[in-house]
Every structure is written in structure tokens, then in C-alpha cells.
């Protein structure tokens, strides 16, 4: 399992990224969440699923602003 936080989807809202390499019958999955307005719950925005069994998709994540534009990339 891997996690990361950054301004990925919207500039002022933190995006929480979670990778789970054993989800979806060992294909792996990465999910992006944002905090719900006025609450403490997270809302799922979108997911990516790996394409090969046991490939380790979602095992490791990096969140960084590579070009100093204020947006993070995962």
C-alpha cells in the first residue's frame, strides 16, 4: 500500500492518492480522493487499474511538482 498527498486535481484542494497493488484480483489499483466540502469524508474522484496480474501496480507512488508550476504530479 502506498499513499501520497498533493495539489493534483485542483490547485487549492489537497488530493489524496492511494495505491493498492493487490486490488482488483492482483491487477493493482491507484485511487484519487478529495475532501468533501464541509466535511471530513473523502470523495473518490477516479481510479486507475493495472493491466497485468502481479505487476505491482500501485505498490509505490511519488507526488511531486516537477516543473515548479504549483501543481503536483502523481
C-alpha atoms as a PDB file:
ATOM      1  CA  UNK A   1       0.000   0.000   0.000  1.00  0.00           C
ATOM      2  CA  UNK A   2       1.264   3.468  -0.827  1.00  0.00           C
ATOM      3  CA  UNK A   3      -0.140   6.934  -0.166  1.00  0.00           C
ATOM      4  CA  UNK A   4       0.581  10.494  -1.248  1.00  0.00           C
ATOM      5  CA  UNK A   5      -0.908  13.977  -0.872  1.00  0.00           C
ATOM      6  CA  UNK A   6      -0.628  16.918  -3.234  1.00  0.00           C
ATOM      7  CA  UNK A   7      -2.487  19.595  -5.183  1.00  0.00           C
ATOM      8  CA  UNK A   8      -3.192  17.382  -8.195  1.00  0.00           C
ATOM      9  CA  UNK A   9      -6.811  17.872  -9.294  1.00  0.00           C
ATOM     10  CA  UNK A  10      -7.484  21.440  -8.128  1.00  0.00           C
ATOM     11  CA  UNK A  11      -4.897  23.970  -7.022  1.00  0.00           C
ATOM     12  CA  UNK A  12      -6.256  24.783  -3.563  1.00  0.00           C
ATOM     13  CA  UNK A  13      -7.713  21.378  -2.674  1.00  0.00           C
ATOM     14  CA  UNK A  14      -5.496  18.573  -1.441  1.00  0.00           C
ATOM     15  CA  UNK A  15      -5.737  15.342  -3.391  1.00  0.00           C
ATOM     16  CA  UNK A  16      -5.113  12.091  -1.556  1.00  0.00           C
ATOM     17  CA  UNK A  17      -3.669   9.268  -3.652  1.00  0.00           C
ATOM     18  CA  UNK A  18      -3.705   5.630  -2.538  1.00  0.00           C
ATOM     19  CA  UNK A  19      -2.103   2.683  -4.296  1.00  0.00           C
ATOM     20  CA  UNK A  20      -3.138  -0.890  -3.614  1.00  0.00           C
ATOM     21  CA  UNK A  21      -1.123  -3.483  -5.552  1.00  0.00           C
ATOM     22  CA  UNK A  22      -3.404  -6.418  -4.644  1.00  0.00           C
ATOM     23  CA  UNK A  23      -6.766  -4.818  -5.504  1.00  0.00           C
ATOM     24  CA  UNK A  24      -8.865  -5.983  -8.445  1.00  0.00           C
ATOM     25  CA  UNK A  25      -7.709  -9.620  -8.321  1.00  0.00           C
ATOM     26  CA  UNK A  26      -3.992  -8.698  -8.073  1.00  0.00           C
ATOM     27  CA  UNK A  27      -4.049  -6.260 -11.006  1.00  0.00           C
ATOM     28  CA  UNK A  28      -3.418  -3.331  -8.641  1.00  0.00           C
ATOM     29  CA  UNK A  29      -5.220  -0.030  -8.398  1.00  0.00           C
ATOM     30  CA  UNK A  30      -4.460   3.653  -7.727  1.00  0.00           C
ATOM     31  CA  UNK A  31      -7.308   5.841  -6.423  1.00  0.00           C
ATOM     32  CA  UNK A  32      -7.550   9.642  -6.194  1.00  0.00           C
ATOM     33  CA  UNK A  33      -9.690  11.257  -3.470  1.00  0.00           C
ATOM     34  CA  UNK A  34     -10.544  14.844  -2.476  1.00  0.00           C
ATOM     35  CA  UNK A  35     -12.045  16.051   0.794  1.00  0.00           C
ATOM     36  CA  UNK A  36     -15.803  16.561   0.634  1.00  0.00           C
ATOM     37  CA  UNK A  37     -16.900  20.164   1.047  1.00  0.00           C
ATOM     38  CA  UNK A  38     -17.801  20.981   4.613  1.00  0.00           C
ATOM     39  CA  UNK A  39     -16.961  17.540   5.914  1.00  0.00           C
ATOM     40  CA  UNK A  40     -14.254  15.151   6.978  1.00  0.00           C
ATOM     41  CA  UNK A  41     -15.042  12.440   4.432  1.00  0.00           C
ATOM     42  CA  UNK A  42     -13.106  11.791   1.244  1.00  0.00           C
ATOM     43  CA  UNK A  43     -14.813  11.533  -2.144  1.00  0.00           C
ATOM     44  CA  UNK A  44     -13.425   9.186  -4.778  1.00  0.00           C
ATOM     45  CA  UNK A  45     -12.614  11.143  -7.948  1.00  0.00           C
ATOM     46  CA  UNK A  46     -11.192   8.425 -10.208  1.00  0.00           C
ATOM     47  CA  UNK A  47      -9.169   5.213 -10.236  1.00  0.00           C
ATOM     48  CA  UNK A  48      -6.583   3.571 -12.442  1.00  0.00           C
ATOM     49  CA  UNK A  49      -6.336  -0.227 -12.627  1.00  0.00           C
ATOM     50  CA  UNK A  50      -3.251  -2.178 -13.654  1.00  0.00           C
ATOM     51  CA  UNK A  51      -3.317  -4.418 -16.714  1.00  0.00           C
ATOM     52  CA  UNK A  52      -1.129  -7.355 -15.690  1.00  0.00           C
ATOM     53  CA  UNK A  53      -1.594  -9.717 -12.751  1.00  0.00           C
ATOM     54  CA  UNK A  54       1.057  -9.358 -10.017  1.00  0.00           C
ATOM     55  CA  UNK A  55       2.779  -6.441 -11.817  1.00  0.00           C
ATOM     56  CA  UNK A  56       2.963  -4.403  -8.601  1.00  0.00           C
ATOM     57  CA  UNK A  57       0.815  -1.577  -9.994  1.00  0.00           C
ATOM     58  CA  UNK A  58       0.099   0.804  -7.106  1.00  0.00           C
ATOM     59  CA  UNK A  59       2.937  -0.540  -4.956  1.00  0.00           C
ATOM     60  CA  UNK A  60       4.846   2.750  -4.936  1.00  0.00           C
ATOM     61  CA  UNK A  61       3.767   6.370  -5.551  1.00  0.00           C
ATOM     62  CA  UNK A  62       5.599   9.648  -5.929  1.00  0.00           C
ATOM     63  CA  UNK A  63       3.848  13.023  -5.693  1.00  0.00           C
ATOM     64  CA  UNK A  64       5.993  15.990  -6.770  1.00  0.00           C
ATOM     65  CA  UNK A  65       5.868  19.321  -8.593  1.00  0.00           C
ATOM     66  CA  UNK A  66       8.428  18.586 -11.291  1.00  0.00           C
ATOM     67  CA  UNK A  67       8.269  21.899 -13.164  1.00  0.00           C
ATOM     68  CA  UNK A  68       7.560  24.359 -10.295  1.00  0.00           C
ATOM     69  CA  UNK A  69       4.138  25.390 -11.641  1.00  0.00           C
ATOM     70  CA  UNK A  70       2.364  24.800  -8.306  1.00  0.00           C
ATOM     71  CA  UNK A  71       0.684  21.556  -9.439  1.00  0.00           C
ATOM     72  CA  UNK A  72       1.795  18.173  -8.143  1.00  0.00           C
ATOM     73  CA  UNK A  73       2.002  15.089 -10.328  1.00  0.00           C
ATOM     74  CA  UNK A  74       1.474  11.528  -9.152  1.00  0.00           C
END
